Amino acid sequence: MQTTTKAGTQAQRIALMALLTALVAVLSYFGGFIKIGGFASISLTLIPVVLGAALLGPLAGAWLGAVSGIVFFATADAMFWFGLSLPGTIITVMIKGIMAGLCAGLVYKLLEKVNRYLAVIVSAIVCPVVNTGLFILGCFIFFMDTVKGGAAAEGLSVAAYIIVFYVGMNFVFELIANIILSPSIYRLIEFRKKK
């Protein structure tokens, strides 16, 4: 006998987790290939992370964030960061992915009883903020020599250099895409479940 939960039966939850895991893997791998003006890359990876965190819980969000990090290591962008610091790259990428998914799930759980739609919106904001915030922290801890050199060459402060060259439009796009798409897709899933 299958038990029914918020996201459906156990089999439905497993199928949804598998689908979101595959989606995160594909988006993580191919996301870096889409460029805005040849500089900033577009990433939609955090959308299924937010959906998994909301529909399946904080641990599912953490898992999906971890998958995103693992797949990133197979991309061309990872080679740049590995060249700066292999351990720093692994630690930064894994912690930021896991914590972004976990925090999105915890925030959803906290606000779910107030309003599920509001909970998804706030989770969709928290996920890229945590992801980017921990990336910036990783830059300060592991990549400071490179950051200082780049900042000096551009005549910028270290903080301004990180914001302009490492975060920039990527964060803005991720935040906007998450705020618009995560709640919309969540609503579609909830509507479909009610039918």
N, C-alpha and C. Protein backbone atom coordinates (compact mmCIF):
# COMPACT_ATOMS: atom_id res chain seq x y z
N MET A 1 0.84 -1.18 0.00
CA MET A 1 0.00 0.00 0.00
C MET A 1 0.88 1.24 0.00
N GLN A 2 0.63 2.16 -0.93
CA GLN A 2 1.44 3.36 -1.02
C GLN A 2 0.86 4.44 -0.14
N THR A 3 1.73 5.18 0.52
CA THR A 3 1.26 6.28 1.35
C THR A 3 1.19 7.55 0.53
N THR A 4 0.16 8.36 0.81
CA THR A 4 0.00 9.62 0.09
C THR A 4 0.58 10.75 0.93
N THR A 5 1.37 11.60 0.30
CA THR A 5 1.97 12.75 0.96
C THR A 5 1.62 14.01 0.20
N LYS A 6 2.17 15.13 0.65
CA LYS A 6 1.91 16.41 -0.01
C LYS A 6 2.20 16.36 -1.50
N ALA A 7 3.26 15.73 -1.91
CA ALA A 7 3.62 15.66 -3.33
C ALA A 7 3.08 14.40 -4.00
N GLY A 8 2.25 13.63 -3.32
CA GLY A 8 1.66 12.44 -3.92
C GLY A 8 2.17 11.16 -3.27
N THR A 9 2.00 10.05 -3.95
CA THR A 9 2.45 8.77 -3.43
C THR A 9 3.97 8.72 -3.42
N GLN A 10 4.50 7.73 -2.73
CA GLN A 10 5.96 7.56 -2.67
C GLN A 10 6.53 7.37 -4.07
N ALA A 11 5.84 6.62 -4.91
CA ALA A 11 6.30 6.41 -6.29
C ALA A 11 6.31 7.72 -7.07
N GLN A 12 5.30 8.54 -6.86
CA GLN A 12 5.26 9.85 -7.53
C GLN A 12 6.40 10.74 -7.05
N ARG A 13 6.68 10.68 -5.76
CA ARG A 13 7.77 11.50 -5.21
C ARG A 13 9.12 11.06 -5.80
N ILE A 14 9.32 9.76 -5.91
CA ILE A 14 10.57 9.24 -6.49
C ILE A 14 10.69 9.65 -7.95
N ALA A 15 9.58 9.54 -8.68
CA ALA A 15 9.59 9.93 -10.09
C ALA A 15 9.86 11.42 -10.24
N LEU A 16 9.25 12.24 -9.38
CA LEU A 16 9.48 13.68 -9.44
C LEU A 16 10.93 14.02 -9.11
N MET A 17 11.48 13.34 -8.11
CA MET A 17 12.88 13.57 -7.74
C MET A 17 13.81 13.19 -8.89
N ALA A 18 13.52 12.07 -9.55
CA ALA A 18 14.34 11.65 -10.69
C ALA A 18 14.24 12.66 -11.83
N LEU A 19 13.05 13.14 -12.10
CA LEU A 19 12.84 14.12 -13.16
C LEU A 19 13.58 15.43 -12.85
N LEU A 20 13.45 15.91 -11.62
CA LEU A 20 14.13 17.15 -11.24
C LEU A 20 15.64 16.98 -11.23
N THR A 21 16.12 15.81 -10.82
CA THR A 21 17.56 15.54 -10.83
C THR A 21 18.10 15.60 -12.26
N ALA A 22 17.38 14.96 -13.18
CA ALA A 22 17.79 14.99 -14.59
C ALA A 22 17.75 16.41 -15.15
N LEU A 23 16.72 17.16 -14.79
CA LEU A 23 16.59 18.54 -15.25
C LEU A 23 17.73 19.41 -14.72
N VAL A 24 18.05 19.27 -13.45
CA VAL A 24 19.16 20.02 -12.86
C VAL A 24 20.47 19.67 -13.58
N ALA A 25 20.68 18.38 -13.84
CA ALA A 25 21.92 17.95 -14.51
C ALA A 25 22.04 18.57 -15.90
N VAL A 26 20.96 18.53 -16.66
CA VAL A 26 20.99 19.10 -18.02
C VAL A 26 21.19 20.61 -17.97
N LEU A 27 20.45 21.29 -17.11
CA LEU A 27 20.57 22.75 -17.02
C LEU A 27 21.94 23.17 -16.49
N SER A 28 22.50 22.39 -15.57
CA SER A 28 23.83 22.72 -15.03
C SER A 28 24.90 22.57 -16.10
N TYR A 29 24.77 21.54 -16.91
CA TYR A 29 25.79 21.30 -17.92
C TYR A 29 25.69 22.29 -19.08
N PHE A 30 24.49 22.53 -19.56
CA PHE A 30 24.33 23.37 -20.74
C PHE A 30 24.09 24.84 -20.43
N GLY A 31 23.82 25.18 -19.17
CA GLY A 31 23.55 26.57 -18.81
C GLY A 31 24.67 27.53 -19.14
N GLY A 32 25.90 27.10 -19.00
CA GLY A 32 27.04 27.97 -19.26
C GLY A 32 27.27 28.27 -20.73
N PHE A 33 26.59 27.52 -21.61
CA PHE A 33 26.77 27.74 -23.04
C PHE A 33 25.94 28.91 -23.57
N ILE A 34 24.93 29.32 -22.81
CA ILE A 34 24.08 30.44 -23.23
C ILE A 34 24.67 31.71 -22.64
N LYS A 35 25.13 32.61 -23.49
CA LYS A 35 25.81 33.82 -23.03
C LYS A 35 24.99 35.06 -23.35
N ILE A 36 25.08 36.05 -22.48
CA ILE A 36 24.50 37.37 -22.71
C ILE A 36 25.66 38.27 -23.10
N GLY A 37 25.68 38.73 -24.32
CA GLY A 37 26.74 39.63 -24.76
C GLY A 37 28.13 39.02 -24.67
N GLY A 38 28.23 37.70 -24.68
CA GLY A 38 29.53 37.04 -24.65
C GLY A 38 30.20 37.05 -23.29
N PHE A 39 29.53 37.63 -22.27
CA PHE A 39 30.18 37.73 -20.96
C PHE A 39 29.45 36.92 -19.90
N ALA A 40 28.21 37.29 -19.62
CA ALA A 40 27.46 36.62 -18.57
C ALA A 40 26.73 35.41 -19.13
N SER A 41 26.75 34.31 -18.39
CA SER A 41 26.03 33.13 -18.84
C SER A 41 24.68 33.05 -18.13
N ILE A 42 23.71 32.49 -18.84
CA ILE A 42 22.37 32.34 -18.32
C ILE A 42 22.25 30.96 -17.68
N SER A 43 21.76 30.91 -16.46
CA SER A 43 21.56 29.63 -15.79
C SER A 43 20.16 29.56 -15.22
N LEU A 44 19.44 28.50 -15.57
CA LEU A 44 18.10 28.25 -15.04
C LEU A 44 18.12 27.11 -14.03
N THR A 45 19.31 26.70 -13.63
CA THR A 45 19.48 25.53 -12.77
C THR A 45 18.75 25.64 -11.44
N LEU A 46 18.67 26.83 -10.89
CA LEU A 46 18.09 26.96 -9.56
C LEU A 46 16.58 26.80 -9.55
N ILE A 47 15.94 26.89 -10.71
CA ILE A 47 14.48 26.74 -10.75
C ILE A 47 14.05 25.33 -10.32
N PRO A 48 14.60 24.26 -10.90
CA PRO A 48 14.20 22.94 -10.39
C PRO A 48 14.69 22.68 -8.97
N VAL A 49 15.75 23.36 -8.55
CA VAL A 49 16.19 23.23 -7.15
C VAL A 49 15.12 23.78 -6.22
N VAL A 50 14.60 24.96 -6.55
CA VAL A 50 13.53 25.58 -5.75
C VAL A 50 12.28 24.69 -5.77
N LEU A 51 11.91 24.20 -6.94
CA LEU A 51 10.72 23.35 -7.05
C LEU A 51 10.87 22.08 -6.22
N GLY A 52 12.04 21.46 -6.29
CA GLY A 52 12.28 20.26 -5.49
C GLY A 52 12.24 20.55 -4.01
N ALA A 53 12.82 21.67 -3.61
CA ALA A 53 12.83 22.05 -2.20
C ALA A 53 11.41 22.30 -1.70
N ALA A 54 10.56 22.92 -2.54
CA ALA A 54 9.19 23.22 -2.14
C ALA A 54 8.31 21.97 -2.16
N LEU A 55 8.42 21.18 -3.19
CA LEU A 55 7.53 20.03 -3.37
C LEU A 55 7.96 18.80 -2.58
N LEU A 56 9.28 18.65 -2.37
CA LEU A 56 9.78 17.42 -1.76
C LEU A 56 10.54 17.64 -0.45
N GLY A 57 10.80 18.89 -0.11
CA GLY A 57 11.42 19.18 1.18
C GLY A 57 12.86 19.67 1.09
N PRO A 58 13.39 20.17 2.21
CA PRO A 58 14.74 20.73 2.25
C PRO A 58 15.85 19.76 1.84
N LEU A 59 15.73 18.49 2.22
CA LEU A 59 16.78 17.53 1.84
C LEU A 59 16.79 17.28 0.34
N ALA A 60 15.63 17.31 -0.28
CA ALA A 60 15.56 17.19 -1.74
C ALA A 60 16.22 18.40 -2.39
N GLY A 61 15.97 19.58 -1.83
CA GLY A 61 16.62 20.80 -2.33
C GLY A 61 18.13 20.70 -2.21
N ALA A 62 18.60 20.19 -1.07
CA ALA A 62 20.05 20.02 -0.86
C ALA A 62 20.63 19.03 -1.87
N TRP A 63 19.92 17.92 -2.11
CA TRP A 63 20.37 16.93 -3.09
C TRP A 63 20.47 17.56 -4.48
N LEU A 64 19.45 18.29 -4.88
CA LEU A 64 19.45 18.90 -6.21
C LEU A 64 20.56 19.94 -6.34
N GLY A 65 20.82 20.68 -5.27
CA GLY A 65 21.95 21.62 -5.27
C GLY A 65 23.28 20.90 -5.40
N ALA A 66 23.39 19.74 -4.74
CA ALA A 66 24.61 18.93 -4.85
C ALA A 66 24.79 18.40 -6.27
N VAL A 67 23.71 17.95 -6.89
CA VAL A 67 23.78 17.47 -8.28
C VAL A 67 24.27 18.59 -9.20
N SER A 68 23.75 19.78 -8.98
CA SER A 68 24.17 20.93 -9.77
C SER A 68 25.69 21.14 -9.65
N GLY A 69 26.19 21.05 -8.43
CA GLY A 69 27.63 21.22 -8.21
C GLY A 69 28.45 20.13 -8.87
N ILE A 70 28.03 18.89 -8.73
CA ILE A 70 28.76 17.77 -9.31
C ILE A 70 28.83 17.89 -10.83
N VAL A 71 27.70 18.24 -11.45
CA VAL A 71 27.68 18.37 -12.91
C VAL A 71 28.53 19.55 -13.37
N PHE A 72 28.57 20.62 -12.58
CA PHE A 72 29.40 21.78 -12.93
C PHE A 72 30.86 21.37 -13.14
N PHE A 73 31.33 20.38 -12.38
CA PHE A 73 32.73 19.97 -12.49
C PHE A 73 33.06 19.38 -13.86
N ALA A 74 32.06 19.02 -14.63
CA ALA A 74 32.29 18.46 -15.97
C ALA A 74 32.22 19.53 -17.06
N THR A 75 32.04 20.79 -16.68
CA THR A 75 31.89 21.86 -17.68
C THR A 75 33.22 22.56 -17.95
N ALA A 76 33.26 23.29 -19.05
CA ALA A 76 34.46 24.06 -19.40
C ALA A 76 34.72 25.16 -18.38
N ASP A 77 33.65 25.76 -17.84
CA ASP A 77 33.82 26.83 -16.84
C ASP A 77 34.57 26.32 -15.60
N ALA A 78 34.36 25.06 -15.25
CA ALA A 78 35.02 24.51 -14.07
C ALA A 78 36.53 24.51 -14.22
N MET A 79 37.03 24.34 -15.44
CA MET A 79 38.48 24.28 -15.66
C MET A 79 39.17 25.58 -15.24
N PHE A 80 38.50 26.71 -15.50
CA PHE A 80 39.04 28.00 -15.07
C PHE A 80 39.21 28.03 -13.56
N TRP A 81 38.16 27.63 -12.84
CA TRP A 81 38.19 27.68 -11.38
C TRP A 81 39.14 26.63 -10.81
N PHE A 82 39.20 25.45 -11.41
CA PHE A 82 40.15 24.43 -10.96
C PHE A 82 41.58 24.95 -11.07
N GLY A 83 41.85 25.74 -12.10
CA GLY A 83 43.18 26.30 -12.29
C GLY A 83 43.56 27.27 -11.17
N LEU A 84 42.57 27.89 -10.56
CA LEU A 84 42.84 28.81 -9.45
C LEU A 84 43.03 28.06 -8.14
N SER A 85 42.15 27.10 -7.88
CA SER A 85 42.24 26.29 -6.66
C SER A 85 41.29 25.12 -6.77
N LEU A 86 41.84 23.93 -6.90
CA LEU A 86 41.00 22.73 -7.00
C LEU A 86 40.17 22.53 -5.73
N PRO A 87 40.81 22.51 -4.53
CA PRO A 87 40.00 22.31 -3.32
C PRO A 87 39.03 23.47 -3.09
N GLY A 88 39.47 24.69 -3.37
CA GLY A 88 38.60 25.85 -3.19
C GLY A 88 37.38 25.79 -4.09
N THR A 89 37.58 25.34 -5.32
CA THR A 89 36.46 25.21 -6.26
C THR A 89 35.48 24.14 -5.79
N ILE A 90 36.00 22.99 -5.40
CA ILE A 90 35.12 21.89 -4.96
C ILE A 90 34.32 22.32 -3.72
N ILE A 91 35.00 22.89 -2.75
CA ILE A 91 34.32 23.30 -1.51
C ILE A 91 33.28 24.38 -1.80
N THR A 92 33.67 25.41 -2.54
CA THR A 92 32.75 26.51 -2.82
C THR A 92 31.53 26.05 -3.60
N VAL A 93 31.76 25.31 -4.68
CA VAL A 93 30.66 24.88 -5.55
C VAL A 93 29.70 23.95 -4.81
N MET A 94 30.23 23.00 -4.06
CA MET A 94 29.36 22.05 -3.37
C MET A 94 28.59 22.72 -2.22
N ILE A 95 29.26 23.53 -1.43
CA ILE A 95 28.57 24.16 -0.30
C ILE A 95 27.51 25.13 -0.79
N LYS A 96 27.82 25.94 -1.80
CA LYS A 96 26.83 26.91 -2.26
C LYS A 96 25.61 26.22 -2.86
N GLY A 97 25.80 25.13 -3.59
CA GLY A 97 24.67 24.41 -4.17
C GLY A 97 23.81 23.74 -3.12
N ILE A 98 24.46 23.03 -2.22
CA ILE A 98 23.73 22.31 -1.17
C ILE A 98 22.97 23.28 -0.27
N MET A 99 23.65 24.34 0.16
CA MET A 99 23.02 25.29 1.08
C MET A 99 21.90 26.08 0.40
N ALA A 100 22.05 26.40 -0.89
CA ALA A 100 20.99 27.12 -1.60
C ALA A 100 19.72 26.28 -1.62
N GLY A 101 19.85 24.99 -1.95
CA GLY A 101 18.68 24.11 -1.97
C GLY A 101 18.10 23.86 -0.60
N LEU A 102 18.97 23.64 0.37
CA LEU A 102 18.52 23.40 1.74
C LEU A 102 17.79 24.62 2.30
N CYS A 103 18.37 25.80 2.15
CA CYS A 103 17.75 27.03 2.66
C CYS A 103 16.42 27.32 1.97
N ALA A 104 16.36 27.07 0.66
CA ALA A 104 15.09 27.27 -0.06
C ALA A 104 14.01 26.36 0.53
N GLY A 105 14.37 25.12 0.82
CA GLY A 105 13.42 24.18 1.40
C GLY A 105 13.00 24.56 2.81
N LEU A 106 13.96 25.01 3.61
CA LEU A 106 13.64 25.41 4.99
C LEU A 106 12.74 26.64 5.01
N VAL A 107 13.02 27.60 4.12
CA VAL A 107 12.18 28.81 4.05
C VAL A 107 10.77 28.44 3.59
N TYR A 108 10.69 27.55 2.60
CA TYR A 108 9.37 27.12 2.14
C TYR A 108 8.60 26.48 3.29
N LYS A 109 9.25 25.60 4.01
CA LYS A 109 8.61 24.90 5.13
C LYS A 109 8.13 25.89 6.20
N LEU A 110 8.93 26.90 6.46
CA LEU A 110 8.61 27.91 7.45
C LEU A 110 7.37 28.73 7.05
N LEU A 111 7.26 29.07 5.77
CA LEU A 111 6.18 29.94 5.31
C LEU A 111 4.99 29.20 4.71
N GLU A 112 5.12 27.92 4.51
CA GLU A 112 4.08 27.12 3.85
C GLU A 112 2.72 27.25 4.52
N LYS A 113 2.69 27.28 5.83
CA LYS A 113 1.42 27.35 6.55
C LYS A 113 0.77 28.73 6.41
N VAL A 114 1.57 29.75 6.16
CA VAL A 114 1.02 31.10 5.95
C VAL A 114 0.38 31.16 4.56
N ASN A 115 1.18 30.81 3.54
CA ASN A 115 0.69 30.83 2.16
C ASN A 115 1.73 30.10 1.30
N ARG A 116 1.31 29.03 0.64
CA ARG A 116 2.25 28.23 -0.15
C ARG A 116 2.83 29.01 -1.32
N TYR A 117 2.02 29.84 -1.95
CA TYR A 117 2.51 30.62 -3.09
C TYR A 117 3.56 31.63 -2.64
N LEU A 118 3.30 32.31 -1.53
CA LEU A 118 4.28 33.23 -0.95
C LEU A 118 5.55 32.47 -0.57
N ALA A 119 5.38 31.28 -0.01
CA ALA A 119 6.53 30.46 0.39
C ALA A 119 7.42 30.14 -0.81
N VAL A 120 6.82 29.85 -1.96
CA VAL A 120 7.61 29.55 -3.16
C VAL A 120 8.33 30.81 -3.64
N ILE A 121 7.65 31.95 -3.62
CA ILE A 121 8.28 33.20 -4.06
C ILE A 121 9.50 33.52 -3.18
N VAL A 122 9.33 33.43 -1.87
CA VAL A 122 10.44 33.75 -0.96
C VAL A 122 11.56 32.71 -1.14
N SER A 123 11.22 31.45 -1.32
CA SER A 123 12.24 30.42 -1.58
C SER A 123 12.98 30.70 -2.88
N ALA A 124 12.24 31.19 -3.88
CA ALA A 124 12.84 31.52 -5.17
C ALA A 124 13.79 32.71 -5.06
N ILE A 125 13.61 33.54 -4.06
CA ILE A 125 14.54 34.65 -3.80
C ILE A 125 15.73 34.15 -2.98
N VAL A 126 15.44 33.37 -1.95
CA VAL A 126 16.48 32.89 -1.03
C VAL A 126 17.51 32.03 -1.77
N CYS A 127 17.07 31.16 -2.66
CA CYS A 127 17.97 30.22 -3.33
C CYS A 127 19.11 30.92 -4.07
N PRO A 128 18.85 31.86 -5.00
CA PRO A 128 19.97 32.51 -5.67
C PRO A 128 20.77 33.45 -4.76
N VAL A 129 20.12 34.02 -3.74
CA VAL A 129 20.85 34.90 -2.81
C VAL A 129 21.87 34.08 -2.02
N VAL A 130 21.46 32.92 -1.50
CA VAL A 130 22.39 32.05 -0.77
C VAL A 130 23.47 31.54 -1.71
N ASN A 131 23.07 31.09 -2.89
CA ASN A 131 24.02 30.56 -3.88
C ASN A 131 25.10 31.60 -4.21
N THR A 132 24.67 32.81 -4.51
CA THR A 132 25.61 33.87 -4.89
C THR A 132 26.40 34.36 -3.68
N GLY A 133 25.73 34.48 -2.54
CA GLY A 133 26.43 34.93 -1.34
C GLY A 133 27.56 33.99 -0.94
N LEU A 134 27.31 32.70 -1.01
CA LEU A 134 28.36 31.72 -0.67
C LEU A 134 29.45 31.66 -1.74
N PHE A 135 29.07 31.92 -2.99
CA PHE A 135 30.08 32.02 -4.05
C PHE A 135 31.02 33.19 -3.77
N ILE A 136 30.46 34.35 -3.40
CA ILE A 136 31.28 35.52 -3.08
C ILE A 136 32.19 35.22 -1.88
N LEU A 137 31.63 34.57 -0.86
CA LEU A 137 32.45 34.19 0.29
C LEU A 137 33.59 33.27 -0.13
N GLY A 138 33.30 32.31 -1.01
CA GLY A 138 34.33 31.42 -1.54
C GLY A 138 35.41 32.18 -2.28
N CYS A 139 35.02 33.21 -3.03
CA CYS A 139 36.01 34.05 -3.73
C CYS A 139 36.95 34.72 -2.74
N PHE A 140 36.40 35.23 -1.65
CA PHE A 140 37.23 35.90 -0.64
C PHE A 140 38.15 34.90 0.07
N ILE A 141 37.67 33.70 0.30
CA ILE A 141 38.47 32.71 1.04
C ILE A 141 39.51 32.03 0.15
N PHE A 142 39.11 31.59 -1.05
CA PHE A 142 39.97 30.73 -1.85
C PHE A 142 40.64 31.39 -3.06
N PHE A 143 40.07 32.46 -3.55
CA PHE A 143 40.57 33.02 -4.82
C PHE A 143 41.04 34.47 -4.69
N MET A 144 41.40 34.87 -3.48
CA MET A 144 41.70 36.28 -3.22
C MET A 144 42.87 36.81 -4.04
N ASP A 145 43.91 36.03 -4.26
CA ASP A 145 45.04 36.52 -5.05
C ASP A 145 44.61 36.87 -6.46
N THR A 146 43.83 36.01 -7.08
CA THR A 146 43.32 36.27 -8.43
C THR A 146 42.39 37.46 -8.43
N VAL A 147 41.52 37.54 -7.44
CA VAL A 147 40.57 38.65 -7.35
C VAL A 147 41.32 39.97 -7.19
N LYS A 148 42.30 40.00 -6.30
CA LYS A 148 43.07 41.24 -6.09
C LYS A 148 43.80 41.66 -7.35
N GLY A 149 44.40 40.68 -8.05
CA GLY A 149 45.10 40.98 -9.30
C GLY A 149 44.16 41.54 -10.35
N GLY A 150 43.01 40.92 -10.50
CA GLY A 150 42.02 41.40 -11.47
C GLY A 150 41.48 42.76 -11.11
N ALA A 151 41.22 42.99 -9.82
CA ALA A 151 40.71 44.28 -9.36
C ALA A 151 41.73 45.38 -9.62
N ALA A 152 43.00 45.11 -9.33
CA ALA A 152 44.05 46.10 -9.57
C ALA A 152 44.17 46.42 -11.06
N ALA A 153 44.11 45.40 -11.90
CA ALA A 153 44.21 45.61 -13.34
C ALA A 153 43.06 46.43 -13.89
N GLU A 154 41.89 46.30 -13.29
CA GLU A 154 40.71 47.04 -13.75
C GLU A 154 40.52 48.37 -13.01
N GLY A 155 41.35 48.61 -11.99
CA GLY A 155 41.22 49.84 -11.21
C GLY A 155 39.97 49.85 -10.34
N LEU A 156 39.56 48.69 -9.87
CA LEU A 156 38.36 48.57 -9.03
C LEU A 156 38.73 48.05 -7.65
N SER A 157 37.81 48.25 -6.72
CA SER A 157 37.98 47.62 -5.41
C SER A 157 37.71 46.12 -5.58
N VAL A 158 38.16 45.34 -4.60
CA VAL A 158 37.96 43.90 -4.66
C VAL A 158 36.47 43.57 -4.74
N ALA A 159 35.66 44.22 -3.89
CA ALA A 159 34.22 43.95 -3.87
C ALA A 159 33.58 44.31 -5.21
N ALA A 160 33.94 45.47 -5.76
CA ALA A 160 33.38 45.89 -7.04
C ALA A 160 33.79 44.93 -8.16
N TYR A 161 35.03 44.47 -8.12
CA TYR A 161 35.50 43.53 -9.14
C TYR A 161 34.71 42.21 -9.10
N ILE A 162 34.49 41.69 -7.90
CA ILE A 162 33.71 40.45 -7.77
C ILE A 162 32.29 40.66 -8.30
N ILE A 163 31.68 41.77 -7.92
CA ILE A 163 30.31 42.04 -8.37
C ILE A 163 30.26 42.20 -9.89
N VAL A 164 31.17 42.96 -10.46
CA VAL A 164 31.13 43.24 -11.90
C VAL A 164 31.52 42.02 -12.73
N PHE A 165 32.62 41.35 -12.37
CA PHE A 165 33.17 40.31 -13.23
C PHE A 165 32.75 38.88 -12.87
N TYR A 166 32.44 38.60 -11.61
CA TYR A 166 32.10 37.24 -11.24
C TYR A 166 30.62 37.03 -10.99
N VAL A 167 29.94 38.05 -10.51
CA VAL A 167 28.52 37.92 -10.20
C VAL A 167 27.69 38.58 -11.29
N GLY A 168 27.79 39.89 -11.39
CA GLY A 168 27.16 40.68 -12.45
C GLY A 168 25.75 40.30 -12.80
N MET A 169 25.51 40.20 -14.11
CA MET A 169 24.18 39.94 -14.63
C MET A 169 23.70 38.52 -14.35
N ASN A 170 24.63 37.61 -14.11
CA ASN A 170 24.22 36.23 -13.80
C ASN A 170 23.25 36.20 -12.62
N PHE A 171 23.63 36.90 -11.54
CA PHE A 171 22.79 36.90 -10.34
C PHE A 171 21.44 37.56 -10.63
N VAL A 172 21.47 38.69 -11.32
CA VAL A 172 20.24 39.42 -11.62
C VAL A 172 19.30 38.53 -12.44
N PHE A 173 19.85 37.87 -13.46
CA PHE A 173 19.04 36.99 -14.29
C PHE A 173 18.50 35.81 -13.49
N GLU A 174 19.35 35.18 -12.69
CA GLU A 174 18.91 34.04 -11.87
C GLU A 174 17.78 34.45 -10.93
N LEU A 175 17.94 35.61 -10.30
CA LEU A 175 16.93 36.08 -9.35
C LEU A 175 15.61 36.34 -10.06
N ILE A 176 15.64 37.08 -11.16
CA ILE A 176 14.41 37.39 -11.89
C ILE A 176 13.76 36.11 -12.43
N ALA A 177 14.56 35.24 -13.04
CA ALA A 177 14.02 33.99 -13.58
C ALA A 177 13.39 33.15 -12.48
N ASN A 178 14.03 33.08 -11.32
CA ASN A 178 13.49 32.31 -10.21
C ASN A 178 12.19 32.90 -9.68
N ILE A 179 12.15 34.22 -9.54
CA ILE A 179 10.95 34.87 -9.01
C ILE A 179 9.76 34.68 -9.96
N ILE A 180 10.01 34.68 -11.26
CA ILE A 180 8.92 34.54 -12.23
C ILE A 180 8.57 33.08 -12.47
N LEU A 181 9.56 32.25 -12.76
CA LEU A 181 9.29 30.89 -13.22
C LEU A 181 8.99 29.89 -12.11
N SER A 182 9.70 29.95 -10.99
CA SER A 182 9.48 28.96 -9.94
C SER A 182 8.04 28.96 -9.42
N PRO A 183 7.49 30.13 -9.04
CA PRO A 183 6.09 30.13 -8.58
C PRO A 183 5.11 29.74 -9.68
N SER A 184 5.39 30.14 -10.91
CA SER A 184 4.49 29.80 -12.02
C SER A 184 4.46 28.30 -12.26
N ILE A 185 5.62 27.68 -12.30
CA ILE A 185 5.68 26.23 -12.51
C ILE A 185 5.08 25.49 -11.32
N TYR A 186 5.35 25.99 -10.11
CA TYR A 186 4.78 25.39 -8.91
C TYR A 186 3.25 25.40 -8.98
N ARG A 187 2.69 26.53 -9.39
CA ARG A 187 1.23 26.64 -9.52
C ARG A 187 0.69 25.65 -10.54
N LEU A 188 1.40 25.51 -11.66
CA LEU A 188 0.96 24.55 -12.68
C LEU A 188 0.97 23.12 -12.13
N ILE A 189 2.01 22.79 -11.37
CA ILE A 189 2.09 21.45 -10.78
C ILE A 189 0.96 21.24 -9.79
N GLU A 190 0.70 22.24 -8.94
CA GLU A 190 -0.37 22.14 -7.96
C GLU A 190 -1.74 22.05 -8.65
N PHE A 191 -1.93 22.81 -9.72
CA PHE A 191 -3.18 22.76 -10.48
C PHE A 191 -3.37 21.39 -11.10
N ARG A 192 -2.30 20.84 -11.64
CA ARG A 192 -2.36 19.51 -12.27
C ARG A 192 -2.69 18.44 -11.24
N LYS A 193 -2.14 18.56 -10.03
CA LYS A 193 -2.41 17.57 -8.99
C LYS A 193 -3.88 17.59 -8.56
N LYS A 194 -4.51 18.77 -8.62
CA LYS A 194 -5.91 18.89 -8.19
C LYS A 194 -6.87 18.30 -9.20
N LYS A 195 -6.45 18.21 -10.46
CA LYS A 195 -7.35 17.68 -11.51
C LYS A 195 -7.51 16.17 -11.40
